[in-house]
Protein backbone atom coordinates (compact mmCIF):
# COMPACT_ATOMS: atom_id res chain seq x y z
CA MET A 1 105.45 100.15 95.07
CA TYR A 2 105.66 96.44 94.84
CA GLU A 3 104.17 94.36 92.68
CA VAL A 4 102.75 91.56 93.21
CA ARG A 5 103.03 88.76 90.74
CA ALA A 6 100.83 85.85 89.44
CA ILE A 7 102.73 82.77 90.68
CA VAL A 8 100.75 79.78 87.95
CA SER A 9 98.32 80.80 85.52
CA GLY A 10 94.87 79.88 85.34
CA THR A 11 91.77 81.52 86.55
CA VAL A 12 90.88 84.01 89.49
CA VAL A 13 88.12 82.93 91.48
CA ARG A 14 87.95 84.86 93.93
CA LEU A 15 89.75 87.87 95.22
CA VAL A 16 89.88 88.66 99.60
CA VAL A 17 91.33 92.07 99.56
CA ASP A 18 89.80 95.36 97.61
CA GLU A 19 91.49 98.80 96.48
CA GLY A 20 92.69 100.75 99.51
CA GLN A 21 93.02 98.35 101.27
CA LEU A 22 95.52 97.64 103.94
CA ILE A 23 96.65 94.01 103.83
CA ALA A 24 99.49 92.20 105.94
CA GLU A 25 102.32 90.38 105.03
CA ASP A 26 102.00 87.50 103.48
CA GLU A 27 98.29 87.44 103.04
CA PRO A 28 96.16 86.35 100.08
CA LEU A 29 95.61 89.47 97.30
CA ALA A 30 92.99 86.52 95.31
CA PHE A 31 92.98 82.51 94.80
CA VAL A 32 93.27 81.10 90.61
CA ASP A 33 92.03 77.86 89.62
CA ASP A 34 94.54 75.83 88.02
CA HIS A 35 93.76 72.70 86.72
CA GLY A 36 90.78 72.26 89.62
CA VAL A 37 93.82 72.95 92.07
CA GLU A 38 92.69 76.54 94.83
CA ALA A 39 96.01 78.84 94.60
CA ALA A 40 96.77 81.66 96.81
CA ILE A 41 98.24 84.89 94.93
CA VAL A 42 99.96 86.52 98.76
CA THR A 43 102.01 89.73 99.00
CA ALA A 44 105.71 89.83 100.45
CA VAL A 45 105.05 92.55 101.49
CA PRO A 46 102.60 94.46 104.46
CA GLY A 47 101.23 98.27 103.02
CA VAL A 48 98.06 98.87 101.75
CA VAL A 49 96.71 98.21 97.57
CA ARG A 50 95.84 100.05 95.68
CA GLU A 51 96.39 99.20 92.31
CA LEU A 52 94.56 95.94 91.57
CA TYR A 53 94.44 94.63 88.24
CA VAL A 54 92.63 91.50 88.64
CA GLU A 55 89.19 90.36 88.93
CA ARG A 56 86.38 87.76 89.76
CA GLY A 57 87.24 85.03 86.13
CA SER A 58 90.66 87.13 84.81
CA VAL A 59 93.05 85.14 83.39
CA VAL A 60 96.54 85.23 84.67
CA THR A 61 99.44 83.98 83.44
CA ALA A 62 102.36 82.60 85.53
CA ASN A 63 104.65 86.59 86.30
CA ASP A 64 101.68 88.76 86.05
CA VAL A 65 101.01 91.79 87.39
CA VAL A 66 98.10 91.06 90.06
CA ALA A 67 97.89 94.25 92.06
CA ARG A 68 100.62 96.71 93.28
CA ILE A 69 101.01 97.89 97.40
CA ASP A 70 102.18 101.06 98.84
CA GLU A 71 104.93 99.39 101.12
CA SER A 72 104.32 103.64 103.40
């Protein structure tokens, strides 16, 4: 499974996928507020969101795993 990682540190302000949902390459999973700037966390592969490790209000650090995508 492909691990989607946060590219910036901050607070998750919006989730746009649920576990079990199909997602396309380069589609956002969540948005993080990084000092007033909203940054998207996107997947580099298409597939099904199998595990989602964050929720609205979660604090993430750059390189944290936020989701796993099943590419099969």
